[in-house]
Protein backbone atom coordinates (compact mmCIF):
# COMPACT_ATOMS: atom_id res chain seq x y z
CA VAL A 1 -12.75 61.27 -97.23
CA GLN A 2 -13.10 62.86 -93.84
CA LEU A 3 -16.01 62.29 -91.54
CA VAL A 4 -16.92 64.36 -88.50
CA GLU A 5 -19.72 63.44 -86.18
CA SER A 6 -21.63 65.82 -83.91
CA GLY A 7 -24.83 65.97 -81.93
CA GLY A 8 -24.20 63.52 -79.16
CA GLY A 9 -24.91 64.29 -75.55
CA LEU A 10 -26.83 63.34 -72.46
CA VAL A 11 -30.56 62.75 -72.73
CA GLN A 12 -33.24 61.20 -70.56
CA ALA A 13 -34.96 57.98 -71.54
CA GLY A 14 -37.73 58.69 -73.95
CA GLY A 15 -35.92 61.69 -75.37
CA SER A 16 -34.54 62.46 -78.80
CA LEU A 17 -31.28 63.42 -80.37
CA ARG A 18 -30.12 64.05 -83.93
CA LEU A 19 -26.61 63.10 -84.94
CA SER A 20 -24.88 64.63 -87.88
CA CYS A 21 -21.94 63.42 -89.97
CA ALA A 22 -20.22 66.04 -92.10
CA VAL A 23 -18.43 64.62 -95.14
CA SER A 24 -15.50 66.26 -96.84
CA GLY A 25 -13.00 65.11 -99.43
CA SER A 26 -14.72 63.10 -102.14
CA PRO A 27 -18.37 62.77 -101.18
CA PHE A 28 -19.40 61.78 -104.68
CA SER A 29 -17.22 58.67 -104.47
CA ILE A 30 -19.23 57.24 -101.59
CA ARG A 31 -21.26 54.13 -102.28
CA VAL A 32 -22.89 53.66 -98.87
CA MET A 33 -22.80 55.42 -95.52
CA GLY A 34 -23.76 54.12 -92.15
CA TRP A 35 -24.04 54.73 -88.42
CA TYR A 36 -22.42 52.22 -86.08
CA ARG A 37 -22.30 52.24 -82.30
CA GLN A 38 -20.15 50.69 -79.67
CA ALA A 39 -21.23 50.38 -76.06
CA PRO A 40 -18.73 49.78 -73.26
CA GLY A 41 -17.56 46.18 -73.33
CA LYS A 42 -19.40 45.37 -76.52
CA GLU A 43 -18.48 45.05 -80.16
CA ARG A 44 -19.21 47.78 -82.67
CA GLU A 45 -22.58 47.16 -84.38
CA LEU A 46 -24.42 48.56 -87.38
CA VAL A 47 -27.25 50.84 -86.48
CA ALA A 48 -28.40 52.08 -89.85
CA ALA A 49 -27.09 52.47 -93.41
CA ILE A 50 -28.08 54.40 -96.52
CA THR A 51 -26.90 54.01 -100.11
CA SER A 52 -25.95 56.74 -102.53
CA GLY A 53 -28.00 57.59 -105.53
CA ALA A 54 -31.49 58.91 -105.96
CA GLY A 55 -33.72 58.08 -103.04
CA GLY A 56 -31.13 56.02 -101.20
CA SER A 57 -32.18 52.68 -99.79
CA THR A 58 -31.94 52.22 -96.08
CA ASN A 59 -31.63 49.41 -93.56
CA TYR A 60 -31.76 49.37 -89.82
CA ALA A 61 -30.83 47.11 -86.94
CA ASP A 62 -33.87 45.44 -85.50
CA SER A 63 -33.24 47.14 -82.16
CA VAL A 64 -33.74 50.65 -83.63
CA LYS A 65 -36.44 50.06 -86.28
CA GLY A 66 -39.29 52.49 -85.84
CA ARG A 67 -37.22 54.72 -83.52
CA PHE A 68 -34.25 55.87 -85.58
CA THR A 69 -34.21 57.41 -89.03
CA ILE A 70 -31.16 57.76 -91.26
CA SER A 71 -31.06 60.37 -93.93
CA ARG A 72 -28.67 62.48 -95.96
CA ASP A 73 -28.58 65.94 -97.47
CA ASN A 74 -26.38 65.80 -100.56
CA ALA A 75 -26.37 69.56 -100.88
CA LYS A 76 -24.83 69.86 -97.45
CA ASN A 77 -22.67 66.72 -97.73
CA THR A 78 -24.15 65.63 -94.42
CA MET A 79 -25.72 62.43 -93.14
CA TYR A 80 -28.08 62.37 -90.15
CA LEU A 81 -29.41 59.97 -87.60
CA GLN A 82 -32.63 61.10 -85.95
CA MET A 83 -33.06 59.10 -82.75
CA THR A 84 -36.33 59.06 -80.81
CA SER A 85 -37.66 57.12 -77.83
CA LEU A 86 -34.11 56.70 -76.64
CA GLN A 87 -33.42 54.03 -74.04
CA PRO A 88 -30.48 53.46 -71.69
CA GLU A 89 -29.41 50.57 -73.91
CA ASP A 90 -28.84 53.07 -76.71
CA THR A 91 -25.95 54.51 -74.73
CA ALA A 92 -22.82 54.18 -76.85
CA VAL A 93 -20.29 55.98 -78.94
CA TYR A 94 -21.85 56.46 -82.35
CA TYR A 95 -19.59 56.36 -85.40
CA CYS A 96 -20.14 57.51 -88.94
CA SER A 97 -18.75 55.35 -91.74
CA ALA A 98 -18.42 55.64 -95.48
CA LEU A 99 -17.57 53.01 -98.07
CA LEU A 100 -16.36 54.19 -101.42
CA TRP A 101 -17.11 52.72 -104.84
CA GLY A 102 -14.48 50.01 -105.31
CA GLY A 103 -13.30 50.47 -101.75
CA ALA A 104 -12.48 47.51 -99.58
CA MET A 105 -12.46 49.19 -96.20
CA PRO A 106 -14.69 51.97 -94.89
CA TYR A 107 -13.64 55.35 -93.58
CA TRP A 108 -14.57 56.19 -90.00
CA GLY A 109 -15.20 59.28 -88.00
CA LYS A 110 -13.92 59.65 -84.44
CA GLY A 111 -17.33 59.14 -82.91
CA THR A 112 -19.79 61.03 -80.74
CA LEU A 113 -20.98 59.86 -77.31
CA VAL A 114 -24.65 59.37 -76.63
CA THR A 115 -25.65 58.82 -73.05
CA VAL A 116 -29.25 57.94 -72.16
CA SER A 117 -30.14 58.19 -68.47
CA SER A 118 -32.97 56.21 -66.93
């Protein structure tokens, strides 16, 4: 499985961005996908996750609930993270991850940088 993120950039506080994660390889073997972020000097943290299957259940970090929305388009083998009301504390490198059925360790993309200016 290969994961490639895109959509990061510089945005002013209160603005919006949509991140994309293109999946190639074996997308049908994926059990759950997620967005993580890592700010300078901090540990990587889960932002949002979505399971495979019809509908796809989601969960979010408390810090982004109501502002971020995770979704996926199976036809395009792409996962998205719509981010609104961005704040400077959202500044981080955002990573896409995928855990396969029966897999012990997730696959990771290389990340995309989101910078929110005040």
